């Protein structure tokens, strides 16, 4: 019998290894879903950066172009006014006198020392 007592101790079954965690028990799906949603949101934001940058640049360019159009319109209006002035009767004579010319038969005079004159 001694033999049987020792053989029982030797035959004692080994403890079973713990079964591996089942699929899904070790993964926190709520965290994984949250991380996935944040990643998708980040990708969407990255896709919107380039169009926003172009829109801001075009807004600045448009403002510059509008100011340039405004200044060109003012210059055009001034030139149109000048054109109407030059088409009026006596405009040629008035411009000639500004240049110091005299009409035929007139006597030219030069006055010097007048304050405020060029």
N, C-alpha and C. Protein backbone atom coordinates (compact mmCIF):
# COMPACT_ATOMS: atom_id res chain seq x y z
N UNK A 1 0.77 -1.18 0.00
CA UNK A 1 0.00 0.00 0.00
C UNK A 1 0.83 1.27 0.00
N UNK A 2 1.92 1.20 0.54
CA UNK A 2 2.78 2.36 0.53
C UNK A 2 3.08 2.75 -0.89
N UNK A 3 3.16 1.66 -1.63
CA UNK A 3 3.44 1.91 -3.01
C UNK A 3 2.27 2.67 -3.68
N UNK A 4 1.05 2.32 -3.26
CA UNK A 4 -0.10 2.97 -3.85
C UNK A 4 -0.24 4.43 -3.38
N UNK A 5 0.19 4.75 -2.14
CA UNK A 5 0.10 6.12 -1.66
C UNK A 5 1.07 7.02 -2.40
N UNK A 6 2.25 6.51 -2.66
CA UNK A 6 3.21 7.31 -3.38
C UNK A 6 2.84 7.42 -4.85
N UNK A 7 2.25 6.39 -5.36
CA UNK A 7 1.88 6.47 -6.76
C UNK A 7 0.71 7.42 -6.97
N UNK A 8 -0.17 7.51 -5.95
CA UNK A 8 -1.26 8.47 -6.06
C UNK A 8 -0.72 9.90 -6.03
N UNK A 9 0.26 10.15 -5.21
CA UNK A 9 0.84 11.48 -5.13
C UNK A 9 1.56 11.80 -6.43
N UNK A 10 2.15 10.80 -7.02
CA UNK A 10 2.87 11.03 -8.26
C UNK A 10 1.90 11.21 -9.42
N UNK A 11 0.74 10.62 -9.32
CA UNK A 11 -0.23 10.69 -10.40
C UNK A 11 -1.18 11.88 -10.22
N UNK A 12 -1.00 12.61 -9.22
CA UNK A 12 -1.89 13.73 -8.97
C UNK A 12 -1.99 14.59 -10.22
N UNK A 13 -3.20 14.92 -10.59
CA UNK A 13 -3.34 15.71 -11.81
C UNK A 13 -2.76 17.12 -11.63
N UNK A 14 -2.14 17.57 -12.66
CA UNK A 14 -1.58 18.92 -12.63
C UNK A 14 -2.71 19.94 -12.73
N UNK A 15 -2.53 21.11 -12.16
CA UNK A 15 -3.59 22.11 -12.28
C UNK A 15 -3.74 22.53 -13.74
N UNK A 16 -4.95 22.68 -14.12
CA UNK A 16 -5.22 23.08 -15.51
C UNK A 16 -4.77 24.52 -15.74
N UNK A 17 -4.24 24.76 -16.89
CA UNK A 17 -3.91 26.17 -17.17
C UNK A 17 -5.21 26.95 -17.37
N UNK A 18 -5.15 28.20 -17.02
CA UNK A 18 -6.34 29.04 -17.18
C UNK A 18 -6.64 29.20 -18.66
N UNK A 19 -7.88 29.15 -18.99
CA UNK A 19 -8.20 29.34 -20.40
C UNK A 19 -7.89 30.79 -20.80
N UNK A 20 -7.48 30.95 -22.04
CA UNK A 20 -7.18 32.30 -22.54
C UNK A 20 -8.46 33.12 -22.54
N UNK A 21 -8.27 34.40 -22.40
CA UNK A 21 -9.44 35.28 -22.40
C UNK A 21 -10.14 35.15 -23.74
N UNK A 22 -11.42 35.11 -23.68
CA UNK A 22 -12.18 35.00 -24.92
C UNK A 22 -12.04 36.28 -25.73
N UNK A 23 -12.33 36.17 -27.02
CA UNK A 23 -12.24 37.32 -27.92
C UNK A 23 -13.18 38.40 -27.42
N UNK A 24 -12.67 39.58 -27.24
CA UNK A 24 -13.49 40.69 -26.81
C UNK A 24 -13.42 40.96 -25.33
N UNK A 25 -12.93 40.03 -24.55
CA UNK A 25 -12.88 40.29 -23.12
C UNK A 25 -11.71 41.19 -22.75
N UNK A 26 -10.62 41.13 -23.50
CA UNK A 26 -9.44 41.93 -23.17
C UNK A 26 -9.42 43.27 -23.90
N UNK A 27 -10.27 43.45 -24.88
CA UNK A 27 -10.27 44.68 -25.67
C UNK A 27 -11.37 45.59 -25.16
N UNK A 28 -11.00 46.83 -24.93
CA UNK A 28 -11.99 47.80 -24.50
C UNK A 28 -12.57 48.45 -25.75
N UNK A 29 -13.69 47.95 -26.21
CA UNK A 29 -14.27 48.39 -27.47
C UNK A 29 -14.71 49.84 -27.42
N UNK A 30 -15.13 50.32 -26.25
CA UNK A 30 -15.54 51.72 -26.17
C UNK A 30 -14.36 52.65 -26.41
N UNK A 31 -13.20 52.29 -25.87
CA UNK A 31 -12.01 53.12 -26.10
C UNK A 31 -11.55 53.03 -27.55
N UNK A 32 -11.61 51.83 -28.10
CA UNK A 32 -11.19 51.65 -29.49
C UNK A 32 -12.11 52.42 -30.43
N UNK A 33 -13.40 52.39 -30.18
CA UNK A 33 -14.34 53.14 -31.03
C UNK A 33 -14.11 54.64 -30.90
N UNK A 34 -13.85 55.09 -29.67
CA UNK A 34 -13.59 56.51 -29.46
C UNK A 34 -12.32 56.94 -30.19
N UNK A 35 -11.30 56.12 -30.12
CA UNK A 35 -10.04 56.42 -30.81
C UNK A 35 -10.24 56.42 -32.32
N UNK A 36 -11.02 55.47 -32.82
CA UNK A 36 -11.30 55.43 -34.26
C UNK A 36 -12.05 56.65 -34.73
N UNK A 37 -13.04 57.08 -33.95
CA UNK A 37 -13.80 58.28 -34.31
C UNK A 37 -12.91 59.52 -34.29
N UNK A 38 -12.03 59.61 -33.30
CA UNK A 38 -11.11 60.75 -33.26
C UNK A 38 -10.16 60.74 -34.45
N UNK A 39 -9.72 59.56 -34.85
CA UNK A 39 -8.83 59.46 -36.02
C UNK A 39 -9.56 59.89 -37.28
N UNK A 40 -10.80 59.46 -37.45
CA UNK A 40 -11.58 59.86 -38.63
C UNK A 40 -11.82 61.37 -38.61
N UNK A 41 -12.15 61.92 -37.46
CA UNK A 41 -12.35 63.37 -37.34
C UNK A 41 -11.06 64.12 -37.68
N UNK A 42 -9.92 63.60 -37.22
CA UNK A 42 -8.64 64.23 -37.54
C UNK A 42 -8.35 64.22 -39.04
N UNK A 43 -8.65 63.11 -39.68
CA UNK A 43 -8.44 63.02 -41.13
C UNK A 43 -9.34 64.00 -41.86
N UNK A 44 -10.59 64.10 -41.43
CA UNK A 44 -11.51 65.05 -42.07
C UNK A 44 -11.01 66.47 -41.89
N UNK A 45 -10.53 66.80 -40.69
CA UNK A 45 -10.00 68.15 -40.47
C UNK A 45 -8.78 68.42 -41.34
N UNK A 46 -7.91 67.43 -41.51
CA UNK A 46 -6.74 67.60 -42.38
C UNK A 46 -7.16 67.84 -43.82
N UNK A 47 -8.23 67.20 -44.25
CA UNK A 47 -8.71 67.39 -45.62
C UNK A 47 -9.30 68.78 -45.83
N UNK A 48 -9.76 69.42 -44.76
CA UNK A 48 -10.34 70.76 -44.88
C UNK A 48 -9.30 71.87 -44.76
N UNK A 49 -8.10 71.58 -44.31
CA UNK A 49 -7.10 72.63 -44.10
C UNK A 49 -6.71 73.30 -45.41
N UNK A 50 -6.41 72.54 -46.44
CA UNK A 50 -5.97 73.11 -47.71
C UNK A 50 -7.03 74.03 -48.33
N UNK A 51 -8.30 73.62 -48.43
CA UNK A 51 -9.28 74.55 -48.99
C UNK A 51 -9.44 75.81 -48.16
N UNK A 52 -9.34 75.70 -46.84
CA UNK A 52 -9.47 76.90 -46.00
C UNK A 52 -8.30 77.85 -46.24
N UNK A 53 -7.10 77.31 -46.36
CA UNK A 53 -5.92 78.15 -46.62
C UNK A 53 -6.07 78.86 -47.97
N UNK A 54 -6.53 78.12 -48.99
CA UNK A 54 -6.73 78.75 -50.30
C UNK A 54 -7.81 79.82 -50.23
N UNK A 55 -8.87 79.58 -49.48
CA UNK A 55 -9.94 80.56 -49.37
C UNK A 55 -9.43 81.85 -48.72
N UNK A 56 -8.62 81.71 -47.68
CA UNK A 56 -8.06 82.89 -47.00
C UNK A 56 -7.15 83.65 -47.96
N UNK A 57 -6.31 82.93 -48.71
CA UNK A 57 -5.42 83.60 -49.66
C UNK A 57 -6.23 84.32 -50.75
N UNK A 58 -7.27 83.67 -51.24
CA UNK A 58 -8.08 84.29 -52.28
C UNK A 58 -8.84 85.49 -51.75
N UNK A 59 -9.25 85.46 -50.49
CA UNK A 59 -9.92 86.61 -49.90
C UNK A 59 -8.98 87.81 -49.87
N UNK A 60 -7.73 87.58 -49.49
CA UNK A 60 -6.75 88.66 -49.48
C UNK A 60 -6.47 89.19 -50.88
N UNK A 61 -6.37 88.27 -51.83
CA UNK A 61 -6.13 88.67 -53.22
C UNK A 61 -7.32 89.46 -53.75
N UNK A 62 -8.53 89.00 -53.43
CA UNK A 62 -9.74 89.69 -53.90
C UNK A 62 -9.81 91.10 -53.33
N UNK A 63 -9.46 91.26 -52.06
CA UNK A 63 -9.48 92.60 -51.45
C UNK A 63 -8.47 93.51 -52.14
N UNK A 64 -7.29 92.97 -52.43
CA UNK A 64 -6.26 93.76 -53.12
C UNK A 64 -6.75 94.16 -54.52
N UNK A 65 -7.35 93.21 -55.22
CA UNK A 65 -7.85 93.49 -56.57
C UNK A 65 -8.98 94.52 -56.53
N UNK A 66 -9.85 94.44 -55.53
CA UNK A 66 -10.94 95.43 -55.41
C UNK A 66 -10.37 96.83 -55.20
N UNK A 67 -9.35 96.95 -54.35
CA UNK A 67 -8.76 98.28 -54.13
C UNK A 67 -8.08 98.78 -55.39
N UNK A 68 -7.46 97.88 -56.14
CA UNK A 68 -6.83 98.29 -57.39
C UNK A 68 -7.88 98.73 -58.41
N UNK A 69 -8.98 98.02 -58.50
CA UNK A 69 -10.06 98.42 -59.41
C UNK A 69 -10.62 99.77 -59.02
N UNK A 70 -10.75 100.01 -57.70
CA UNK A 70 -11.26 101.29 -57.22
C UNK A 70 -10.33 102.44 -57.62
N UNK A 71 -9.02 102.25 -57.46
CA UNK A 71 -8.08 103.31 -57.82
C UNK A 71 -8.05 103.53 -59.33
N UNK A 72 -8.15 102.44 -60.11
CA UNK A 72 -8.19 102.59 -61.57
C UNK A 72 -9.48 103.29 -62.02
N UNK A 73 -10.58 103.02 -61.34
CA UNK A 73 -11.85 103.69 -61.67
C UNK A 73 -11.73 105.18 -61.38
N UNK A 74 -11.08 105.54 -60.27
CA UNK A 74 -10.90 106.97 -59.94
C UNK A 74 -10.01 107.64 -60.98
N UNK A 75 -8.96 106.94 -61.41
CA UNK A 75 -8.08 107.50 -62.44
C UNK A 75 -8.84 107.66 -63.76
N UNK A 76 -9.67 106.69 -64.11
CA UNK A 76 -10.47 106.77 -65.33
C UNK A 76 -11.43 107.95 -65.28
N UNK A 77 -12.07 108.14 -64.13
CA UNK A 77 -12.99 109.27 -63.98
C UNK A 77 -12.26 110.60 -64.13
N UNK A 78 -11.06 110.70 -63.56
CA UNK A 78 -10.27 111.93 -63.67
C UNK A 78 -9.88 112.19 -65.13
N UNK A 79 -9.48 111.14 -65.84
CA UNK A 79 -9.11 111.30 -67.25
C UNK A 79 -10.32 111.66 -68.10
N UNK A 80 -11.47 111.11 -67.78
CA UNK A 80 -12.70 111.44 -68.52
C UNK A 80 -13.07 112.90 -68.31
N UNK A 81 -12.92 113.38 -67.07
CA UNK A 81 -13.19 114.79 -66.78
C UNK A 81 -12.22 115.68 -67.55
N UNK A 82 -10.95 115.28 -67.56
CA UNK A 82 -9.93 116.06 -68.31
C UNK A 82 -10.25 116.07 -69.80
N UNK A 83 -10.72 114.95 -70.34
CA UNK A 83 -11.09 114.88 -71.75
C UNK A 83 -12.21 115.85 -72.07
N UNK A 84 -13.22 115.90 -71.21
CA UNK A 84 -14.33 116.84 -71.43
C UNK A 84 -13.86 118.29 -71.34
N UNK A 85 -12.91 118.57 -70.43
CA UNK A 85 -12.36 119.93 -70.33
C UNK A 85 -11.61 120.31 -71.60
N UNK A 86 -10.84 119.38 -72.15
CA UNK A 86 -10.05 119.69 -73.34
C UNK A 86 -10.91 119.79 -74.59
N UNK A 87 -12.08 119.19 -74.60
CA UNK A 87 -12.97 119.29 -75.76
C UNK A 87 -13.80 120.58 -75.75
N UNK A 88 -13.78 121.33 -74.66
CA UNK A 88 -14.57 122.56 -74.59
C UNK A 88 -13.93 123.64 -75.47
N UNK A 89 -14.75 124.59 -75.92
CA UNK A 89 -14.18 125.67 -76.74
C UNK A 89 -13.21 126.52 -75.91
N UNK A 90 -12.13 126.87 -76.49
CA UNK A 90 -11.14 127.71 -75.83
C UNK A 90 -10.15 126.92 -74.99
N UNK A 91 -10.27 125.60 -74.95
CA UNK A 91 -9.37 124.80 -74.12
C UNK A 91 -7.95 124.82 -74.67
N UNK A 92 -7.82 124.78 -76.00
CA UNK A 92 -6.48 124.79 -76.61
C UNK A 92 -5.78 126.11 -76.29
N UNK A 93 -6.53 127.22 -76.41
CA UNK A 93 -5.93 128.52 -76.12
C UNK A 93 -5.53 128.61 -74.64
N UNK A 94 -6.37 128.10 -73.76
CA UNK A 94 -6.07 128.13 -72.33
C UNK A 94 -4.82 127.30 -72.01
N UNK A 95 -4.68 126.13 -72.62
CA UNK A 95 -3.49 125.29 -72.39
C UNK A 95 -2.25 125.96 -72.97
N UNK A 96 -2.40 126.61 -74.11
CA UNK A 96 -1.25 127.30 -74.72
C UNK A 96 -0.79 128.45 -73.84
N UNK A 97 -1.72 129.17 -73.25
CA UNK A 97 -1.35 130.29 -72.37
C UNK A 97 -0.66 129.79 -71.10
N UNK A 98 -1.08 128.61 -70.62
CA UNK A 98 -0.41 128.04 -69.45
C UNK A 98 1.06 127.73 -69.77
N UNK A 99 1.33 127.40 -71.03
CA UNK A 99 2.70 127.12 -71.45
C UNK A 99 3.48 128.38 -71.79
N UNK A 100 2.82 129.57 -71.70
CA UNK A 100 3.51 130.83 -71.94
C UNK A 100 3.42 131.32 -73.37
N UNK A 101 2.54 130.77 -74.18
CA UNK A 101 2.41 131.20 -75.58
C UNK A 101 1.43 132.38 -75.67
N UNK A 102 1.63 133.15 -76.74
CA UNK A 102 0.74 134.29 -76.99
C UNK A 102 0.15 134.14 -78.38
N UNK A 103 -1.02 134.74 -78.59
CA UNK A 103 -1.68 134.68 -79.90
C UNK A 103 -0.96 135.61 -80.86
N UNK A 104 -1.08 135.33 -82.18
CA UNK A 104 -0.44 136.23 -83.15
C UNK A 104 -1.01 137.65 -83.03
N UNK A 105 -0.15 138.62 -83.04
CA UNK A 105 -0.55 140.02 -82.94
C UNK A 105 -0.55 140.52 -81.51
N UNK A 106 -0.44 139.68 -80.52
CA UNK A 106 -0.41 140.12 -79.12
C UNK A 106 1.03 140.43 -78.74
N UNK A 107 1.18 141.26 -77.77
CA UNK A 107 2.49 141.63 -77.29
C UNK A 107 2.78 140.88 -75.99
N UNK A 108 3.84 140.11 -75.94
CA UNK A 108 4.14 139.37 -74.71
C UNK A 108 4.82 140.27 -73.68
N UNK A 109 4.45 140.07 -72.42
CA UNK A 109 5.07 140.79 -71.31
C UNK A 109 5.59 139.78 -70.31
N UNK A 110 6.73 140.09 -69.73
CA UNK A 110 7.30 139.25 -68.67
C UNK A 110 7.39 140.12 -67.43
N UNK A 111 6.74 139.69 -66.37
CA UNK A 111 6.74 140.43 -65.11
C UNK A 111 7.58 139.63 -64.14
N UNK A 112 8.61 140.25 -63.58
CA UNK A 112 9.50 139.57 -62.66
C UNK A 112 9.33 140.14 -61.27
N UNK A 113 9.67 139.31 -60.29
CA UNK A 113 9.66 139.76 -58.92
C UNK A 113 8.29 139.77 -58.28
N UNK A 114 7.37 139.06 -58.80
CA UNK A 114 6.02 138.99 -58.22
C UNK A 114 6.04 137.92 -57.14
N UNK A 115 5.64 138.27 -55.91
CA UNK A 115 5.65 137.26 -54.86
C UNK A 115 4.57 136.18 -55.13
N UNK A 116 4.94 134.97 -54.87
CA UNK A 116 3.99 133.86 -55.05
C UNK A 116 3.97 133.30 -56.45
N UNK A 117 4.68 133.91 -57.40
CA UNK A 117 4.73 133.39 -58.77
C UNK A 117 5.95 132.51 -58.91
N UNK A 118 5.90 131.63 -59.84
CA UNK A 118 7.03 130.73 -60.03
C UNK A 118 8.14 131.39 -60.76
